[in-house]
Amino acid sequence: FICANVYMDNMDFSESGNVIMWRSRDTGGGEYEDERWRWALYDLDAAGWNDHVYWGIDTQQEKNSFSLQPRFVELPVNRQSIFQALKKNPDFCRQFVLTFMDLANSNFSYEKVESKIEEYDRNLQLSGGGDGVDWDREYYEEFYKNRAEYITAYLGEEFGLSGSLEQGTLSVDDPAAGTVVLNTIEQDLSSGSWSGMYYTD
């Protein structure tokens, strides 16, 4: 939840407001049937707002969403109490960094985001332009094309990482022979290989 909101630079989320959580009350064998509370992404329109001039940076993708206070929230992410408390746990820190990089390499890879932007734009056109929808395709394309370069560096600063970002590659001789799970994601190896950037430490 925090990884996604930070990556998208959602300026209107915090642990104390404008959030939603959910849980299943079923206690079966299903994936989420353990009665745990889980964050849900909610109210994401502020992930497309642009306040780079306010912060004195050239573009929105350069924004450090860990330490710069969102204009509509009382505290930046790294000063919110739950995040500060969790960062005292080394296991949490390791998992947060791995999950963040998994999202950067998969869900937010520019190729994947670009296809979603194209799909959204096509659907808007088919529906007659999407009355009332404020859509700046160029902004989103530019933001996600360059976001990883900046936000992964800020991730390293936030967690005191001393290693470097290096490319790791998974490859298989027979893509139909099985699956490979790396950290939090099952990799698509249908083309025979997959590459992603991770911190060496």
Protein backbone atom coordinates (compact mmCIF):
# COMPACT_ATOMS: atom_id res chain seq x y z
CA PHE A 1 0.00 0.00 0.00
CA ILE A 2 2.70 2.48 0.99
CA CYS A 3 5.01 1.35 -1.83
CA ALA A 4 2.34 1.93 -4.47
CA ASN A 5 1.24 5.30 -3.12
CA VAL A 6 4.83 6.54 -2.85
CA TYR A 7 5.70 5.34 -6.34
CA MET A 8 2.62 7.05 -7.82
CA ASP A 9 3.24 10.18 -5.71
CA ASN A 10 -0.31 10.14 -4.36
CA MET A 11 -0.52 13.50 -2.60
CA ASP A 12 -3.71 12.70 -0.73
CA PHE A 13 -3.04 9.58 1.35
CA SER A 14 -1.81 9.03 4.88
CA GLU A 15 -2.17 6.42 7.60
CA SER A 16 -4.77 8.55 9.35
CA GLY A 17 -7.02 9.78 6.58
CA ASN A 18 -8.35 9.14 3.11
CA VAL A 19 -7.64 5.42 3.38
CA ILE A 20 -9.74 2.30 3.35
CA MET A 21 -9.06 -1.17 4.74
CA TRP A 22 -10.85 -4.46 4.22
CA ARG A 23 -10.89 -8.03 5.46
CA SER A 24 -12.68 -11.26 4.80
CA ARG A 25 -14.68 -12.68 7.67
CA ASP A 26 -14.42 -16.14 6.15
CA THR A 27 -11.85 -18.50 7.65
CA GLY A 28 -11.50 -21.03 4.90
CA GLY A 29 -8.62 -22.06 2.72
CA GLY A 30 -8.91 -19.12 0.35
CA GLU A 31 -6.02 -16.75 -0.27
CA TYR A 32 -7.40 -13.94 1.91
CA GLU A 33 -9.54 -15.96 4.33
CA ASP A 34 -7.41 -15.27 7.40
CA GLU A 35 -9.45 -12.34 8.83
CA ARG A 36 -6.46 -9.95 8.57
CA TRP A 37 -7.03 -6.30 7.76
CA ARG A 38 -5.52 -5.17 4.47
CA TRP A 39 -5.03 -1.73 2.93
CA ALA A 40 -6.89 -1.00 -0.29
CA LEU A 41 -5.91 1.57 -2.88
CA TYR A 42 -8.46 4.36 -2.67
CA ASP A 43 -9.08 7.85 -4.06
CA LEU A 44 -6.15 7.98 -6.46
CA ASP A 45 -6.97 11.16 -8.37
CA ALA A 46 -4.20 12.99 -6.45
CA ALA A 47 -1.68 10.59 -7.98
CA GLY A 48 -2.02 12.64 -11.13
CA TRP A 49 -1.71 16.10 -9.62
CA ASN A 50 1.31 18.21 -10.38
CA ASP A 51 3.01 20.38 -7.73
CA HIS A 52 6.62 20.31 -8.94
CA VAL A 53 6.82 24.12 -9.06
CA TYR A 54 5.77 24.28 -5.38
CA TRP A 55 8.78 22.10 -4.49
CA GLY A 56 11.21 23.83 -6.83
CA ILE A 57 11.87 20.77 -8.99
CA ASP A 58 11.71 20.57 -12.76
CA THR A 59 9.26 17.68 -13.13
CA GLN A 60 6.85 15.74 -10.92
CA GLN A 61 8.71 12.44 -11.38
CA GLU A 62 11.69 13.95 -9.52
CA LYS A 63 9.71 14.37 -6.28
CA ASN A 64 10.90 12.52 -3.17
CA SER A 65 7.55 11.17 -2.00
CA PHE A 66 9.09 9.71 1.14
CA SER A 67 10.25 12.97 2.70
CA LEU A 68 8.43 15.84 0.99
CA GLN A 69 5.17 16.59 2.69
CA PRO A 70 2.17 16.17 0.41
CA ARG A 71 0.31 19.45 0.09
CA PHE A 72 -2.94 17.91 1.32
CA VAL A 73 -1.66 15.69 4.17
CA GLU A 74 -0.33 16.66 7.60
CA LEU A 75 2.95 14.68 7.49
CA PRO A 76 5.24 13.17 4.85
CA VAL A 77 5.33 9.38 4.67
CA ASN A 78 8.59 9.01 6.57
CA ARG A 79 7.24 10.98 9.54
CA GLN A 80 3.98 9.07 9.89
CA SER A 81 3.90 6.96 13.06
CA ILE A 82 3.10 3.52 11.59
CA PHE A 83 5.84 3.79 8.96
CA GLN A 84 8.37 5.06 11.53
CA ALA A 85 7.53 2.20 13.90
CA LEU A 86 7.75 -0.43 11.17
CA LYS A 87 11.14 0.88 10.02
CA LYS A 88 12.60 -0.19 13.39
CA ASN A 89 12.14 -3.79 12.26
CA PRO A 90 14.96 -4.99 9.93
CA ASP A 91 12.69 -7.67 8.42
CA PHE A 92 10.14 -5.01 7.50
CA CYS A 93 12.84 -2.82 5.93
CA ARG A 94 14.14 -5.69 3.82
CA GLN A 95 10.65 -6.69 2.71
CA PHE A 96 9.65 -3.10 1.96
CA VAL A 97 12.66 -2.54 -0.29
CA LEU A 98 12.13 -5.86 -2.11
CA THR A 99 8.42 -5.20 -2.57
CA PHE A 100 9.10 -1.66 -3.78
CA MET A 101 11.61 -2.87 -6.35
CA ASP A 102 9.26 -5.68 -7.41
CA LEU A 103 6.56 -3.08 -8.10
CA ALA A 104 9.04 -0.85 -9.95
CA ASN A 105 10.17 -3.79 -12.09
CA SER A 106 6.74 -5.26 -12.77
CA ASN A 107 3.53 -3.34 -12.07
CA PHE A 108 5.12 0.05 -12.80
CA SER A 109 7.50 -0.99 -15.57
CA TYR A 110 7.07 1.54 -18.34
CA GLU A 111 6.08 -1.13 -20.87
CA LYS A 112 3.21 -2.28 -18.64
CA VAL A 113 2.10 1.25 -17.73
CA GLU A 114 2.31 2.38 -21.35
CA SER A 115 -0.07 -0.39 -22.44
CA LYS A 116 -2.53 0.60 -19.68
CA ILE A 117 -2.33 4.27 -20.70
CA GLU A 118 -3.05 3.27 -24.30
CA GLU A 119 -5.97 1.08 -23.21
CA TYR A 120 -7.43 3.84 -21.00
CA ASP A 121 -7.07 6.44 -23.75
CA ARG A 122 -8.71 4.13 -26.30
CA ASN A 123 -11.64 3.45 -23.93
CA LEU A 124 -12.10 7.18 -23.32
CA GLN A 125 -12.28 7.81 -27.05
CA LEU A 126 -14.74 4.96 -27.56
CA SER A 127 -16.97 6.33 -24.80
CA GLY A 128 -17.10 9.77 -26.37
CA GLY A 129 -14.25 11.49 -24.55
CA GLY A 130 -15.12 10.70 -20.96
CA ASP A 131 -17.27 13.61 -19.81
CA GLY A 132 -15.76 15.25 -16.75
CA VAL A 133 -12.53 13.24 -16.91
CA ASP A 134 -9.39 15.36 -16.57
CA TRP A 135 -6.93 13.30 -18.62
CA ASP A 136 -3.44 14.42 -19.57
CA ARG A 137 -1.93 11.46 -21.36
CA GLU A 138 1.43 13.17 -21.94
CA TYR A 139 1.81 13.85 -18.21
CA TYR A 140 1.35 10.18 -17.29
CA GLU A 141 3.60 8.95 -20.07
CA GLU A 142 6.40 11.30 -19.03
CA PHE A 143 5.93 10.60 -15.30
CA TYR A 144 6.09 6.80 -15.57
CA LYS A 145 8.80 6.79 -18.22
CA ASN A 146 11.20 8.49 -15.78
CA ARG A 147 9.78 7.82 -12.29
CA ALA A 148 11.86 4.72 -11.47
CA GLU A 149 15.16 6.56 -11.94
CA TYR A 150 14.31 9.07 -9.21
CA ILE A 151 12.12 7.20 -6.73
CA THR A 152 14.37 4.12 -6.46
CA ALA A 153 17.29 6.42 -5.58
CA TYR A 154 15.14 8.03 -2.87
CA LEU A 155 14.23 4.54 -1.65
CA GLY A 156 17.94 3.83 -1.22
CA GLU A 157 18.39 7.05 0.77
CA GLU A 158 15.35 6.41 2.94
CA PHE A 159 16.54 2.95 3.96
CA GLY A 160 20.25 3.76 4.14
CA LEU A 161 21.23 1.34 1.40
CA SER A 162 24.90 1.39 0.55
CA GLY A 163 24.80 -0.99 -2.41
CA SER A 164 24.20 -0.15 -6.04
CA LEU A 165 21.26 -0.82 -8.32
CA GLU A 166 22.18 -3.71 -10.60
CA GLN A 167 20.26 -5.64 -13.21
CA GLY A 168 19.35 -9.21 -12.41
CA THR A 169 18.18 -11.60 -15.10
CA LEU A 170 16.15 -14.80 -14.91
CA SER A 171 16.22 -17.10 -17.91
CA VAL A 172 14.84 -20.53 -18.74
CA ASP A 173 15.41 -23.01 -21.54
CA ASP A 174 11.78 -24.13 -21.63
CA PRO A 175 9.21 -21.49 -20.56
CA ALA A 176 6.51 -24.17 -20.37
CA ALA A 177 8.45 -26.28 -17.85
CA GLY A 178 7.27 -24.41 -14.75
CA THR A 179 7.14 -21.03 -13.01
CA VAL A 180 9.62 -18.86 -11.14
CA VAL A 181 8.63 -16.69 -8.18
CA LEU A 182 11.03 -13.88 -7.28
CA ASN A 183 10.28 -12.09 -4.00
CA THR A 184 6.60 -11.10 -4.33
CA ILE A 185 5.90 -11.74 -8.02
CA GLU A 186 5.60 -14.71 -10.32
CA GLN A 187 7.70 -13.70 -13.28
CA ASP A 188 6.50 -13.90 -16.87
CA LEU A 189 9.16 -15.97 -18.58
CA SER A 190 7.14 -16.73 -21.70
CA SER A 191 9.80 -14.99 -23.80
CA GLY A 192 12.52 -17.06 -22.11
CA SER A 193 13.92 -14.34 -19.83
CA TRP A 194 13.10 -11.42 -17.56
CA SER A 195 15.30 -8.64 -16.17
CA GLY A 196 14.86 -6.19 -13.31
CA MET A 197 16.88 -3.75 -11.20
CA TYR A 198 17.59 -4.53 -7.53
CA TYR A 199 19.87 -3.14 -4.83
CA THR A 200 22.93 -5.31 -4.21
CA ASP A 201 22.43 -5.05 -0.45
